[in-house]
Amino acid sequence: MSTPVIGVTGSIGSGKTTLSKFLADEGGYHLNADTIARDMMLPGQSGYDLVLDQFGNYITDSKGYIEPAILADLVFTKPDELRKLEAILHPLVFDFIEQTIHLSQEGFYIVDAPLLFEAGIDKLCDWTVCVVSSPDLISQRVEMTETELERRRRLQWPEDKKVRQANEVIDNSGSLEHLQEKAAKLAGKLLSV
């Protein structure tokens, strides 16, 4: 029997990674799509040369590492550039996750991906969850200006579209303890399927 896979998504600042970590505490194996994408851009990794070929060496530091802040400034202000980056990284991240989840494990996999649906990663999941939260709480959690937060939000699917696509919606407008309880219930549900 293959290991169950749960996909967790949500808008920026919704708490999807926090929920994913709580699910990992319940016996899950956490795969963070953003971390995987960053790792793919390290020197010697599969995305490094592809990203430099597309954007140039000016996005690197003196040691040859891609500077996340420079790349973010470029792609989050120019949607066409973001699409180019996604065209490079999404297939690499998808393949990595697909290969990993085929390594059967105890428990279950959690795929924590802000672009779960946009990148097609949901096709690898048995169950999908969208984490939502109030706009005020999101503004408090995210360390960026309202303008930057709104710009990044516009580059993702709207929250209501993610909610309609997900199998389950978890509201993260309460305490961390409340979210932890929801994670425990969700893990129990997933493991009983």
Protein backbone atom coordinates (compact mmCIF):
# COMPACT_ATOMS: atom_id res chain seq x y z
CA MET A 1 0.00 0.00 0.00
CA SER A 2 1.34 3.44 -0.87
CA THR A 3 1.80 6.14 1.74
CA PRO A 4 -1.09 8.66 1.82
CA VAL A 5 -0.29 12.15 0.53
CA ILE A 6 -1.97 15.31 1.79
CA GLY A 7 -1.51 18.58 -0.06
CA VAL A 8 -1.66 21.76 2.00
CA THR A 9 -2.06 25.17 0.39
CA GLY A 10 -3.38 28.62 1.17
CA SER A 11 -2.67 32.27 0.54
CA ILE A 12 0.53 33.90 1.76
CA GLY A 13 0.48 34.19 5.57
CA SER A 14 -2.48 31.84 6.01
CA GLY A 15 -0.53 29.36 8.13
CA LYS A 16 -0.13 26.47 5.67
CA THR A 17 3.44 25.75 6.77
CA THR A 18 2.48 25.89 10.45
CA LEU A 19 -0.35 23.41 9.81
CA SER A 20 2.07 21.23 7.82
CA LYS A 21 4.54 21.19 10.72
CA PHE A 22 1.78 20.24 13.13
CA LEU A 23 0.76 17.44 10.76
CA ALA A 24 4.40 16.27 10.69
CA ASP A 25 4.26 16.09 14.49
CA GLU A 26 1.34 13.66 14.06
CA GLY A 27 3.50 11.24 12.08
CA GLY A 28 3.74 12.90 8.68
CA TYR A 29 6.76 13.54 6.49
CA HIS A 30 6.86 17.25 5.52
CA LEU A 31 7.79 18.24 1.96
CA ASN A 32 7.96 22.02 1.61
CA ALA A 33 7.71 23.02 -2.07
CA ASP A 34 9.32 26.44 -1.48
CA THR A 35 12.32 24.83 0.26
CA ILE A 36 12.65 22.25 -2.52
CA ALA A 37 12.57 25.03 -5.14
CA ARG A 38 15.27 26.99 -3.26
CA ASP A 39 17.41 23.85 -3.00
CA MET A 40 17.02 23.25 -6.75
CA MET A 41 18.70 26.63 -7.33
CA LEU A 42 21.84 25.85 -5.33
CA PRO A 43 25.09 25.48 -7.30
CA GLY A 44 25.33 21.99 -8.77
CA GLN A 45 21.60 21.32 -8.50
CA SER A 46 19.27 20.76 -11.45
CA GLY A 47 17.75 24.24 -11.53
CA TYR A 48 20.88 26.32 -10.98
CA ASP A 49 22.19 26.57 -14.56
CA LEU A 50 18.66 26.78 -15.99
CA VAL A 51 17.84 29.80 -13.79
CA LEU A 52 21.16 31.52 -14.57
CA ASP A 53 20.71 30.87 -18.30
CA GLN A 54 17.31 32.57 -18.09
CA PHE A 55 18.10 35.51 -15.77
CA GLY A 56 21.87 36.04 -15.93
CA ASN A 57 24.73 35.97 -13.44
CA TYR A 58 23.75 39.33 -11.94
CA ILE A 59 21.34 37.47 -9.63
CA THR A 60 24.28 35.72 -7.89
CA ASP A 61 26.47 36.77 -4.99
CA SER A 62 30.29 36.80 -4.97
CA LYS A 63 30.40 33.05 -4.24
CA GLY A 64 28.07 32.18 -7.14
CA TYR A 65 24.93 31.52 -5.06
CA ILE A 66 21.64 32.84 -6.40
CA GLU A 67 20.52 35.76 -4.25
CA PRO A 68 16.87 35.11 -3.26
CA ALA A 69 16.17 38.82 -2.64
CA ILE A 70 17.44 39.88 -6.08
CA LEU A 71 15.50 37.11 -7.81
CA ALA A 72 12.35 37.94 -5.81
CA ASP A 73 12.62 41.65 -6.69
CA LEU A 74 12.80 40.69 -10.34
CA VAL A 75 10.04 38.09 -10.56
CA PHE A 76 7.53 39.60 -8.15
CA THR A 77 7.52 42.92 -10.02
CA LYS A 78 7.36 41.41 -13.51
CA PRO A 79 4.75 38.66 -13.97
CA ASP A 80 6.34 37.51 -17.26
CA GLU A 81 9.62 36.88 -15.46
CA LEU A 82 7.79 34.98 -12.71
CA ARG A 83 6.19 32.73 -15.33
CA LYS A 84 9.64 32.01 -16.77
CA LEU A 85 10.96 31.05 -13.32
CA GLU A 86 7.91 28.87 -12.64
CA ALA A 87 8.33 27.15 -16.03
CA ILE A 88 11.81 26.12 -14.87
CA LEU A 89 11.10 25.21 -11.24
CA HIS A 90 7.59 23.73 -11.23
CA PRO A 91 8.51 20.61 -13.25
CA LEU A 92 11.63 20.07 -11.13
CA VAL A 93 9.70 20.39 -7.86
CA PHE A 94 6.89 18.19 -9.19
CA ASP A 95 9.38 15.46 -10.20
CA PHE A 96 11.18 15.62 -6.85
CA ILE A 97 7.93 15.31 -4.90
CA GLU A 98 6.68 12.52 -7.16
CA GLN A 99 9.90 10.53 -6.71
CA THR A 100 9.88 11.10 -2.94
CA ILE A 101 6.28 10.03 -2.34
CA HIS A 102 6.93 6.78 -4.20
CA LEU A 103 9.34 5.86 -1.39
CA SER A 104 6.76 4.23 0.86
CA GLN A 105 6.99 5.33 4.50
CA GLU A 106 5.19 4.92 7.77
CA GLY A 107 2.58 7.60 8.35
CA PHE A 108 1.83 10.00 5.49
CA TYR A 109 3.36 12.72 3.36
CA ILE A 110 2.48 16.39 3.67
CA VAL A 111 3.11 18.45 0.54
CA ASP A 112 3.20 22.09 1.68
CA ALA A 113 2.84 24.16 -1.51
CA PRO A 114 1.50 27.69 -1.96
CA LEU A 115 0.98 26.88 -5.67
CA LEU A 116 -0.37 23.36 -5.09
CA PHE A 117 -3.11 23.70 -7.71
CA GLU A 118 -1.35 26.16 -10.00
CA ALA A 119 1.66 23.83 -10.39
CA GLY A 120 -0.47 20.68 -10.71
CA ILE A 121 1.04 19.14 -7.57
CA ASP A 122 -2.47 18.37 -6.32
CA LYS A 123 -2.51 15.51 -8.85
CA LEU A 124 -0.01 13.72 -6.61
CA CYS A 125 -2.21 14.08 -3.52
CA ASP A 126 -4.91 11.87 -2.04
CA TRP A 127 -6.42 14.79 -0.10
CA THR A 128 -6.04 18.55 -0.36
CA VAL A 129 -6.48 21.20 2.31
CA CYS A 130 -6.69 24.96 1.94
CA VAL A 131 -5.75 26.98 5.02
CA VAL A 132 -7.55 30.31 5.33
CA SER A 133 -7.20 33.17 7.76
CA SER A 134 -8.52 36.68 8.23
CA PRO A 135 -6.83 39.47 6.23
CA ASP A 136 -5.95 41.32 9.46
CA LEU A 137 -4.15 38.28 10.90
CA ILE A 138 -2.32 37.68 7.63
CA SER A 139 -1.10 41.30 7.63
CA GLN A 140 0.20 40.82 11.20
CA ARG A 141 1.99 37.55 10.35
CA VAL A 142 3.69 38.59 7.12
CA GLU A 143 6.72 40.85 7.31
CA MET A 144 6.17 42.94 4.20
CA THR A 145 4.33 46.07 3.21
CA GLU A 146 0.63 45.87 2.33
CA THR A 147 1.57 46.80 -1.25
CA GLU A 148 4.05 43.92 -1.53
CA LEU A 149 1.63 41.51 0.17
CA GLU A 150 -1.12 42.45 -2.29
CA ARG A 151 1.26 42.15 -5.25
CA ARG A 152 2.20 38.60 -4.21
CA ARG A 153 -1.43 37.68 -3.55
CA ARG A 154 -2.37 38.72 -7.08
CA LEU A 155 0.26 36.34 -8.49
CA GLN A 156 -1.50 33.34 -6.91
CA TRP A 157 -4.97 31.93 -7.41
CA PRO A 158 -7.56 33.86 -5.37
CA GLU A 159 -8.31 32.24 -2.03
CA ASP A 160 -11.92 31.43 -2.97
CA LYS A 161 -10.71 29.47 -6.00
CA LYS A 162 -8.33 27.42 -3.83
CA VAL A 163 -11.14 26.84 -1.33
CA ARG A 164 -13.43 25.49 -4.08
CA GLN A 165 -10.70 23.19 -5.36
CA ALA A 166 -9.66 21.76 -1.97
CA ASN A 167 -11.18 18.70 -0.30
CA GLU A 168 -11.12 20.46 3.05
CA VAL A 169 -10.79 24.00 4.39
CA ILE A 170 -9.16 24.81 7.72
CA ASP A 171 -9.67 28.23 9.28
CA ASN A 172 -6.52 29.44 11.02
CA SER A 173 -7.97 32.54 12.64
CA GLY A 174 -7.66 31.12 16.16
CA SER A 175 -4.78 30.15 18.43
CA LEU A 176 -1.84 27.89 17.60
CA GLU A 177 -3.30 25.32 20.00
CA HIS A 178 -6.56 25.35 18.04
CA LEU A 179 -4.65 24.80 14.78
CA GLN A 180 -2.71 21.96 16.41
CA GLU A 181 -5.98 20.28 17.42
CA LYS A 182 -7.24 20.59 13.84
CA ALA A 183 -3.99 19.02 12.59
CA ALA A 184 -4.44 16.06 14.95
CA LYS A 185 -8.01 15.51 13.73
CA LEU A 186 -6.96 15.79 10.10
CA ALA A 187 -4.09 13.32 10.58
CA GLY A 188 -6.47 10.86 12.24
CA LYS A 189 -8.92 11.20 9.37
CA LEU A 190 -6.21 10.68 6.77
CA LEU A 191 -4.75 7.62 8.46
CA SER A 192 -8.17 5.99 8.86
CA VAL A 193 -8.94 6.15 5.12
